[in-house]
All heavy atoms as atom14 arrays in JSON, in Angstrom:
{
  "sequence": "LSCMGSSETRWREAVIAGLVVSLFCVLIFSYALGLPFP",
  "atom14_mask": [
    [1, 1, 1, 1, 1, 1, 1, 1, 0, 0, 0, 0, 0, 0],
    [1, 1, 1, 1, 1, 1, 0, 0, 0, 0, 0, 0, 0, 0],
    [1, 1, 1, 1, 1, 1, 0, 0, 0, 0, 0, 0, 0, 0],
    [1, 1, 1, 1, 1, 1, 1, 1, 0, 0, 0, 0, 0, 0],
    [1, 1, 1, 1, 0, 0, 0, 0, 0, 0, 0, 0, 0, 0],
    [1, 1, 1, 1, 1, 1, 0, 0, 0, 0, 0, 0, 0, 0],
    [1, 1, 1, 1, 1, 1, 0, 0, 0, 0, 0, 0, 0, 0],
    [1, 1, 1, 1, 1, 1, 1, 1, 1, 0, 0, 0, 0, 0],
    [1, 1, 1, 1, 1, 1, 1, 0, 0, 0, 0, 0, 0, 0],
    [1, 1, 1, 1, 1, 1, 1, 1, 1, 1, 1, 0, 0, 0],
    [1, 1, 1, 1, 1, 1, 1, 1, 1, 1, 1, 1, 1, 1],
    [1, 1, 1, 1, 1, 1, 1, 1, 1, 1, 1, 0, 0, 0],
    [1, 1, 1, 1, 1, 1, 1, 1, 1, 0, 0, 0, 0, 0],
    [1, 1, 1, 1, 1, 0, 0, 0, 0, 0, 0, 0, 0, 0],
    [1, 1, 1, 1, 1, 1, 1, 0, 0, 0, 0, 0, 0, 0],
    [1, 1, 1, 1, 1, 1, 1, 1, 0, 0, 0, 0, 0, 0],
    [1, 1, 1, 1, 1, 0, 0, 0, 0, 0, 0, 0, 0, 0],
    [1, 1, 1, 1, 0, 0, 0, 0, 0, 0, 0, 0, 0, 0],
    [1, 1, 1, 1, 1, 1, 1, 1, 0, 0, 0, 0, 0, 0],
    [1, 1, 1, 1, 1, 1, 1, 0, 0, 0, 0, 0, 0, 0],
    [1, 1, 1, 1, 1, 1, 1, 0, 0, 0, 0, 0, 0, 0],
    [1, 1, 1, 1, 1, 1, 0, 0, 0, 0, 0, 0, 0, 0],
    [1, 1, 1, 1, 1, 1, 1, 1, 0, 0, 0, 0, 0, 0],
    [1, 1, 1, 1, 1, 1, 1, 1, 1, 1, 1, 0, 0, 0],
    [1, 1, 1, 1, 1, 1, 0, 0, 0, 0, 0, 0, 0, 0],
    [1, 1, 1, 1, 1, 1, 1, 0, 0, 0, 0, 0, 0, 0],
    [1, 1, 1, 1, 1, 1, 1, 1, 0, 0, 0, 0, 0, 0],
    [1, 1, 1, 1, 1, 1, 1, 1, 0, 0, 0, 0, 0, 0],
    [1, 1, 1, 1, 1, 1, 1, 1, 1, 1, 1, 0, 0, 0],
    [1, 1, 1, 1, 1, 1, 0, 0, 0, 0, 0, 0, 0, 0],
    [1, 1, 1, 1, 1, 1, 1, 1, 1, 1, 1, 1, 0, 0],
    [1, 1, 1, 1, 1, 0, 0, 0, 0, 0, 0, 0, 0, 0],
    [1, 1, 1, 1, 1, 1, 1, 1, 0, 0, 0, 0, 0, 0],
    [1, 1, 1, 1, 0, 0, 0, 0, 0, 0, 0, 0, 0, 0],
    [1, 1, 1, 1, 1, 1, 1, 1, 0, 0, 0, 0, 0, 0],
    [1, 1, 1, 1, 1, 1, 1, 0, 0, 0, 0, 0, 0, 0],
    [1, 1, 1, 1, 1, 1, 1, 1, 1, 1, 1, 0, 0, 0],
    [1, 1, 1, 1, 1, 1, 1, 0, 0, 0, 0, 0, 0, 0]
  ],
  "atom14_positions": [
    [[-9.56, -0.5, -0.71], [-10.68, -0.71, -1.63], [-10.52, -2.02, -2.4], [-11.5, -2.72, -2.66], [-10.82, 0.46, -2.6], [-11.37, 1.74, -2.02], [-11.33, 2.85, -3.06], [-12.79, 1.54, -1.52], [0.0, 0.0, 0.0], [0.0, 0.0, 0.0], [0.0, 0.0, 0.0], [0.0, 0.0, 0.0], [0.0, 0.0, 0.0], [0.0, 0.0, 0.0]],
    [[-9.31, -2.36, -2.74], [-9.06, -3.64, -3.41], [-9.36, -4.81, -2.49], [-9.85, -5.85, -2.94], [-7.61, -3.72, -3.88], [-7.34, -2.72, -4.81], [0.0, 0.0, 0.0], [0.0, 0.0, 0.0], [0.0, 0.0, 0.0], [0.0, 0.0, 0.0], [0.0, 0.0, 0.0], [0.0, 0.0, 0.0], [0.0, 0.0, 0.0], [0.0, 0.0, 0.0]],
    [[-9.08, -4.65, -1.22], [-9.36, -5.72, -0.26], [-10.86, -5.94, -0.07], [-11.28, -7.03, 0.32], [-8.73, -5.39, 1.09], [-6.95, -5.56, 1.09], [0.0, 0.0, 0.0], [0.0, 0.0, 0.0], [0.0, 0.0, 0.0], [0.0, 0.0, 0.0], [0.0, 0.0, 0.0], [0.0, 0.0, 0.0], [0.0, 0.0, 0.0], [0.0, 0.0, 0.0]],
    [[-11.65, -4.93, -0.35], [-13.1, -5.07, -0.21], [-13.68, -6.01, -1.26], [-14.84, -6.43, -1.15], [-13.78, -3.71, -0.3], [-13.49, -2.81, 0.87], [-14.17, -1.17, 0.69], [-15.91, -1.51, 0.82], [0.0, 0.0, 0.0], [0.0, 0.0, 0.0], [0.0, 0.0, 0.0], [0.0, 0.0, 0.0], [0.0, 0.0, 0.0], [0.0, 0.0, 0.0]],
    [[-12.92, -6.38, -2.26], [-13.39, -7.25, -3.32], [-13.47, -8.72, -2.93], [-14.0, -9.53, -3.67], [0.0, 0.0, 0.0], [0.0, 0.0, 0.0], [0.0, 0.0, 0.0], [0.0, 0.0, 0.0], [0.0, 0.0, 0.0], [0.0, 0.0, 0.0], [0.0, 0.0, 0.0], [0.0, 0.0, 0.0], [0.0, 0.0, 0.0], [0.0, 0.0, 0.0]],
    [[-12.96, -9.07, -1.77], [-12.97, -10.46, -1.33], [-13.71, -10.59, -0.01], [-13.55, -9.77, 0.89], [-11.54, -10.96, -1.16], [-11.55, -12.25, -0.59], [0.0, 0.0, 0.0], [0.0, 0.0, 0.0], [0.0, 0.0, 0.0], [0.0, 0.0, 0.0], [0.0, 0.0, 0.0], [0.0, 0.0, 0.0], [0.0, 0.0, 0.0], [0.0, 0.0, 0.0]],
    [[-14.49, -11.64, 0.11], [-15.19, -11.88, 1.37], [-14.26, -12.54, 2.4], [-14.62, -12.67, 3.56], [-16.4, -12.78, 1.13], [-16.0, -14.03, 0.61], [0.0, 0.0, 0.0], [0.0, 0.0, 0.0], [0.0, 0.0, 0.0], [0.0, 0.0, 0.0], [0.0, 0.0, 0.0], [0.0, 0.0, 0.0], [0.0, 0.0, 0.0], [0.0, 0.0, 0.0]],
    [[-13.09, -12.96, 1.97], [-12.14, -13.62, 2.87], [-11.15, -12.65, 3.5], [-10.2, -13.07, 4.15], [-11.38, -14.69, 2.1], [-12.28, -15.77, 1.54], [-11.52, -16.77, 0.7], [-10.28, -16.68, 0.64], [-12.17, -17.63, 0.11], [0.0, 0.0, 0.0], [0.0, 0.0, 0.0], [0.0, 0.0, 0.0], [0.0, 0.0, 0.0], [0.0, 0.0, 0.0]],
    [[-11.35, -11.37, 3.34], [-10.42, -10.37, 3.84], [-10.42, -10.34, 5.35], [-11.47, -10.3, 5.99], [-10.81, -8.98, 3.3], [-10.76, -9.01, 1.88], [-9.88, -7.91, 3.83], [0.0, 0.0, 0.0], [0.0, 0.0, 0.0], [0.0, 0.0, 0.0], [0.0, 0.0, 0.0], [0.0, 0.0, 0.0], [0.0, 0.0, 0.0], [0.0, 0.0, 0.0]],
    [[-9.25, -10.36, 5.91], [-9.07, -10.14, 7.36], [-8.61, -8.7, 7.5], [-7.53, -8.33, 7.06], [-8.03, -11.1, 7.91], [-8.46, -12.52, 7.85], [-7.41, -13.4, 8.52], [-7.83, -14.77, 8.49], [-7.1, -15.75, 7.99], [-5.9, -15.49, 7.52], [-7.54, -16.98, 8.0], [0.0, 0.0, 0.0], [0.0, 0.0, 0.0], [0.0, 0.0, 0.0]],
    [[-9.45, -7.87, 8.1], [-9.23, -6.43, 8.08], [-8.02, -6.0, 8.88], [-7.36, -5.03, 8.53], [-10.49, -5.69, 8.49], [-11.47, -5.76, 7.38], [-12.58, -6.55, 7.3], [-11.37, -5.07, 6.13], [-13.17, -6.39, 6.09], [-12.46, -5.49, 5.35], [-10.48, -4.17, 5.6], [-12.68, -5.01, 4.06], [-10.7, -3.69, 4.32], [-11.78, -4.11, 3.58]],
    [[-7.72, -6.66, 9.95], [-6.52, -6.3, 10.73], [-5.27, -6.5, 9.87], [-4.38, -5.64, 9.83], [-6.44, -7.12, 12.0], [-5.25, -6.74, 12.86], [-5.24, -7.5, 14.15], [-6.41, -7.12, 14.93], [-6.88, -7.78, 15.96], [-6.28, -8.89, 16.34], [-7.93, -7.38, 16.62], [0.0, 0.0, 0.0], [0.0, 0.0, 0.0], [0.0, 0.0, 0.0]],
    [[-5.21, -7.61, 9.16], [-4.08, -7.87, 8.28], [-4.06, -6.92, 7.1], [-2.99, -6.48, 6.66], [-4.13, -9.31, 7.78], [-3.92, -10.33, 8.88], [-4.11, -11.75, 8.38], [-4.38, -11.94, 7.18], [-4.01, -12.65, 9.21], [0.0, 0.0, 0.0], [0.0, 0.0, 0.0], [0.0, 0.0, 0.0], [0.0, 0.0, 0.0], [0.0, 0.0, 0.0]],
    [[-5.23, -6.58, 6.58], [-5.31, -5.67, 5.44], [-4.82, -4.27, 5.81], [-4.14, -3.61, 5.03], [-6.73, -5.6, 4.92], [0.0, 0.0, 0.0], [0.0, 0.0, 0.0], [0.0, 0.0, 0.0], [0.0, 0.0, 0.0], [0.0, 0.0, 0.0], [0.0, 0.0, 0.0], [0.0, 0.0, 0.0], [0.0, 0.0, 0.0], [0.0, 0.0, 0.0]],
    [[-5.16, -3.81, 7.01], [-4.72, -2.49, 7.46], [-3.2, -2.45, 7.59], [-2.55, -1.51, 7.13], [-5.41, -2.11, 8.79], [-4.76, -0.9, 9.43], [-6.9, -1.87, 8.55], [0.0, 0.0, 0.0], [0.0, 0.0, 0.0], [0.0, 0.0, 0.0], [0.0, 0.0, 0.0], [0.0, 0.0, 0.0], [0.0, 0.0, 0.0], [0.0, 0.0, 0.0]],
    [[-2.63, -3.48, 8.19], [-1.17, -3.53, 8.37], [-0.47, -3.68, 7.02], [0.51, -2.97, 6.74], [-0.79, -4.67, 9.33], [-1.33, -4.36, 10.73], [0.72, -4.87, 9.37], [-1.24, -5.51, 11.7], [0.0, 0.0, 0.0], [0.0, 0.0, 0.0], [0.0, 0.0, 0.0], [0.0, 0.0, 0.0], [0.0, 0.0, 0.0], [0.0, 0.0, 0.0]],
    [[-0.97, -4.58, 6.18], [-0.36, -4.77, 4.86], [-0.49, -3.51, 4.01], [0.41, -3.17, 3.25], [-1.0, -5.96, 4.15], [0.0, 0.0, 0.0], [0.0, 0.0, 0.0], [0.0, 0.0, 0.0], [0.0, 0.0, 0.0], [0.0, 0.0, 0.0], [0.0, 0.0, 0.0], [0.0, 0.0, 0.0], [0.0, 0.0, 0.0], [0.0, 0.0, 0.0]],
    [[-1.6, -2.79, 4.14], [-1.78, -1.54, 3.42], [-0.76, -0.5, 3.8], [-0.25, 0.24, 2.95], [0.0, 0.0, 0.0], [0.0, 0.0, 0.0], [0.0, 0.0, 0.0], [0.0, 0.0, 0.0], [0.0, 0.0, 0.0], [0.0, 0.0, 0.0], [0.0, 0.0, 0.0], [0.0, 0.0, 0.0], [0.0, 0.0, 0.0], [0.0, 0.0, 0.0]],
    [[-0.46, -0.42, 5.08], [0.57, 0.52, 5.54], [1.94, 0.17, 4.96], [2.69, 1.05, 4.52], [0.63, 0.56, 7.06], [-0.57, 1.18, 7.76], [-0.48, 0.97, 9.25], [-0.69, 2.65, 7.42], [0.0, 0.0, 0.0], [0.0, 0.0, 0.0], [0.0, 0.0, 0.0], [0.0, 0.0, 0.0], [0.0, 0.0, 0.0], [0.0, 0.0, 0.0]],
    [[2.25, -1.12, 4.96], [3.54, -1.57, 4.43], [3.63, -1.31, 2.93], [4.65, -0.81, 2.43], [3.77, -3.06, 4.76], [5.0, -3.6, 4.06], [3.87, -3.26, 6.26], [0.0, 0.0, 0.0], [0.0, 0.0, 0.0], [0.0, 0.0, 0.0], [0.0, 0.0, 0.0], [0.0, 0.0, 0.0], [0.0, 0.0, 0.0], [0.0, 0.0, 0.0]],
    [[2.58, -1.64, 2.2], [2.58, -1.43, 0.75], [2.66, 0.06, 0.41], [3.39, 0.46, -0.5], [1.32, -2.07, 0.11], [1.13, -1.63, -1.32], [1.41, -3.58, 0.2], [0.0, 0.0, 0.0], [0.0, 0.0, 0.0], [0.0, 0.0, 0.0], [0.0, 0.0, 0.0], [0.0, 0.0, 0.0], [0.0, 0.0, 0.0], [0.0, 0.0, 0.0]],
    [[1.96, 0.89, 1.16], [2.0, 2.33, 0.91], [3.39, 2.9, 1.18], [3.88, 3.73, 0.42], [0.97, 3.04, 1.79], [-0.32, 2.61, 1.44], [0.0, 0.0, 0.0], [0.0, 0.0, 0.0], [0.0, 0.0, 0.0], [0.0, 0.0, 0.0], [0.0, 0.0, 0.0], [0.0, 0.0, 0.0], [0.0, 0.0, 0.0], [0.0, 0.0, 0.0]],
    [[4.02, 2.46, 2.25], [5.38, 2.89, 2.54], [6.33, 2.44, 1.44], [7.21, 3.19, 1.01], [5.83, 2.35, 3.89], [7.24, 2.71, 4.31], [7.39, 4.22, 4.47], [7.6, 2.0, 5.6], [0.0, 0.0, 0.0], [0.0, 0.0, 0.0], [0.0, 0.0, 0.0], [0.0, 0.0, 0.0], [0.0, 0.0, 0.0], [0.0, 0.0, 0.0]],
    [[6.15, 1.21, 0.95], [6.97, 0.69, -0.14], [6.79, 1.53, -1.41], [7.76, 1.84, -2.1], [6.61, -0.77, -0.39], [7.48, -1.45, -1.4], [8.8, -1.76, -1.1], [6.98, -1.78, -2.64], [9.61, -2.39, -2.04], [7.78, -2.39, -3.58], [9.1, -2.7, -3.28], [0.0, 0.0, 0.0], [0.0, 0.0, 0.0], [0.0, 0.0, 0.0]],
    [[5.55, 1.92, -1.69], [5.27, 2.77, -2.86], [6.0, 4.1, -2.76], [6.58, 4.59, -3.73], [3.78, 3.02, -3.01], [2.85, 1.61, -3.61], [0.0, 0.0, 0.0], [0.0, 0.0, 0.0], [0.0, 0.0, 0.0], [0.0, 0.0, 0.0], [0.0, 0.0, 0.0], [0.0, 0.0, 0.0], [0.0, 0.0, 0.0], [0.0, 0.0, 0.0]],
    [[5.96, 4.7, -1.57], [6.65, 5.98, -1.37], [8.15, 5.8, -1.56], [8.81, 6.61, -2.24], [6.33, 6.55, 0.03], [7.26, 7.7, 0.38], [4.88, 6.99, 0.1], [0.0, 0.0, 0.0], [0.0, 0.0, 0.0], [0.0, 0.0, 0.0], [0.0, 0.0, 0.0], [0.0, 0.0, 0.0], [0.0, 0.0, 0.0], [0.0, 0.0, 0.0]],
    [[8.71, 4.75, -0.98], [10.16, 4.53, -1.1], [10.58, 4.29, -2.54], [11.58, 4.84, -3.0], [10.58, 3.36, -0.22], [10.49, 3.57, 1.28], [10.82, 2.28, 2.01], [11.41, 4.68, 1.73], [0.0, 0.0, 0.0], [0.0, 0.0, 0.0], [0.0, 0.0, 0.0], [0.0, 0.0, 0.0], [0.0, 0.0, 0.0], [0.0, 0.0, 0.0]],
    [[9.83, 3.49, -3.26], [10.2, 3.16, -4.64], [9.98, 4.33, -5.58], [10.89, 4.74, -6.31], [9.4, 1.92, -5.13], [9.81, 0.68, -4.36], [9.58, 1.71, -6.63], [11.24, 0.27, -4.54], [0.0, 0.0, 0.0], [0.0, 0.0, 0.0], [0.0, 0.0, 0.0], [0.0, 0.0, 0.0], [0.0, 0.0, 0.0], [0.0, 0.0, 0.0]],
    [[8.76, 4.87, -5.61], [8.43, 5.85, -6.63], [9.0, 7.24, -6.34], [9.41, 7.94, -7.25], [6.91, 5.94, -6.82], [6.34, 4.7, -7.41], [5.46, 3.91, -6.69], [6.68, 4.3, -8.69], [4.94, 2.75, -7.23], [6.16, 3.15, -9.24], [5.29, 2.36, -8.51], [0.0, 0.0, 0.0], [0.0, 0.0, 0.0], [0.0, 0.0, 0.0]],
    [[9.03, 7.65, -5.09], [9.52, 8.99, -4.79], [11.01, 9.05, -4.57], [11.68, 9.94, -5.08], [8.8, 9.54, -3.56], [7.46, 9.77, -3.87], [0.0, 0.0, 0.0], [0.0, 0.0, 0.0], [0.0, 0.0, 0.0], [0.0, 0.0, 0.0], [0.0, 0.0, 0.0], [0.0, 0.0, 0.0], [0.0, 0.0, 0.0], [0.0, 0.0, 0.0]],
    [[11.53, 8.11, -3.8], [12.95, 8.2, -3.45], [13.85, 7.44, -4.43], [14.84, 7.99, -4.92], [13.17, 7.71, -2.02], [12.51, 8.61, -1.01], [11.41, 8.18, -0.28], [12.95, 9.91, -0.82], [10.78, 9.02, 0.62], [12.33, 10.76, 0.07], [11.24, 10.3, 0.8], [10.63, 11.13, 1.69], [0.0, 0.0, 0.0], [0.0, 0.0, 0.0]],
    [[13.5, 6.22, -4.76], [14.38, 5.44, -5.64], [14.29, 5.92, -7.09], [15.32, 6.07, -7.76], [14.02, 3.95, -5.56], [0.0, 0.0, 0.0], [0.0, 0.0, 0.0], [0.0, 0.0, 0.0], [0.0, 0.0, 0.0], [0.0, 0.0, 0.0], [0.0, 0.0, 0.0], [0.0, 0.0, 0.0], [0.0, 0.0, 0.0], [0.0, 0.0, 0.0]],
    [[13.08, 6.16, -7.59], [12.92, 6.59, -8.98], [12.9, 8.1, -9.14], [13.07, 8.62, -10.24], [11.63, 6.0, -9.56], [11.6, 4.48, -9.67], [10.25, 4.01, -10.16], [12.7, 4.0, -10.6], [0.0, 0.0, 0.0], [0.0, 0.0, 0.0], [0.0, 0.0, 0.0], [0.0, 0.0, 0.0], [0.0, 0.0, 0.0], [0.0, 0.0, 0.0]],
    [[12.66, 8.83, -8.05], [12.67, 10.28, -8.1], [11.48, 10.9, -8.8], [11.6, 12.0, -9.33], [0.0, 0.0, 0.0], [0.0, 0.0, 0.0], [0.0, 0.0, 0.0], [0.0, 0.0, 0.0], [0.0, 0.0, 0.0], [0.0, 0.0, 0.0], [0.0, 0.0, 0.0], [0.0, 0.0, 0.0], [0.0, 0.0, 0.0], [0.0, 0.0, 0.0]],
    [[10.34, 10.21, -8.86], [9.16, 10.76, -9.52], [8.53, 11.85, -8.66], [8.48, 11.74, -7.44], [8.14, 9.64, -9.79], [8.64, 8.55, -10.73], [7.61, 7.44, -10.84], [8.94, 9.11, -12.09], [0.0, 0.0, 0.0], [0.0, 0.0, 0.0], [0.0, 0.0, 0.0], [0.0, 0.0, 0.0], [0.0, 0.0, 0.0], [0.0, 0.0, 0.0]],
    [[8.06, 12.91, -9.27], [7.58, 14.07, -8.5], [6.12, 13.94, -8.03], [5.27, 14.75, -8.36], [7.72, 15.21, -9.51], [7.49, 14.55, -10.83], [8.1, 13.19, -10.7], [0.0, 0.0, 0.0], [0.0, 0.0, 0.0], [0.0, 0.0, 0.0], [0.0, 0.0, 0.0], [0.0, 0.0, 0.0], [0.0, 0.0, 0.0], [0.0, 0.0, 0.0]],
    [[5.82, 12.9, -7.26], [4.49, 12.75, -6.69], [4.42, 13.49, -5.36], [5.38, 13.46, -4.58], [4.17, 11.28, -6.41], [3.96, 10.45, -7.63], [4.65, 9.26, -7.8], [3.08, 10.82, -8.62], [4.46, 8.47, -8.9], [2.87, 10.04, -9.73], [3.57, 8.87, -9.88], [0.0, 0.0, 0.0], [0.0, 0.0, 0.0], [0.0, 0.0, 0.0]],
    [[3.28, 14.14, -5.05], [3.12, 14.65, -3.69], [3.0, 13.47, -2.74], [2.34, 12.48, -3.05], [1.82, 15.45, -3.78], [1.09, 14.91, -4.94], [2.13, 14.41, -5.9], [0.0, 0.0, 0.0], [0.0, 0.0, 0.0], [0.0, 0.0, 0.0], [0.0, 0.0, 0.0], [0.0, 0.0, 0.0], [0.0, 0.0, 0.0], [0.0, 0.0, 0.0]]
  ]
}
């Protein structure tokens, strides 16, 4: 949704970067910090 804010978005790159960022969020917030997010 954040990527939709720019007309210069390349969707193939956004999909791949979104997967990487989401995985990073899971690793940092759930495993490294131990926060109880589903």
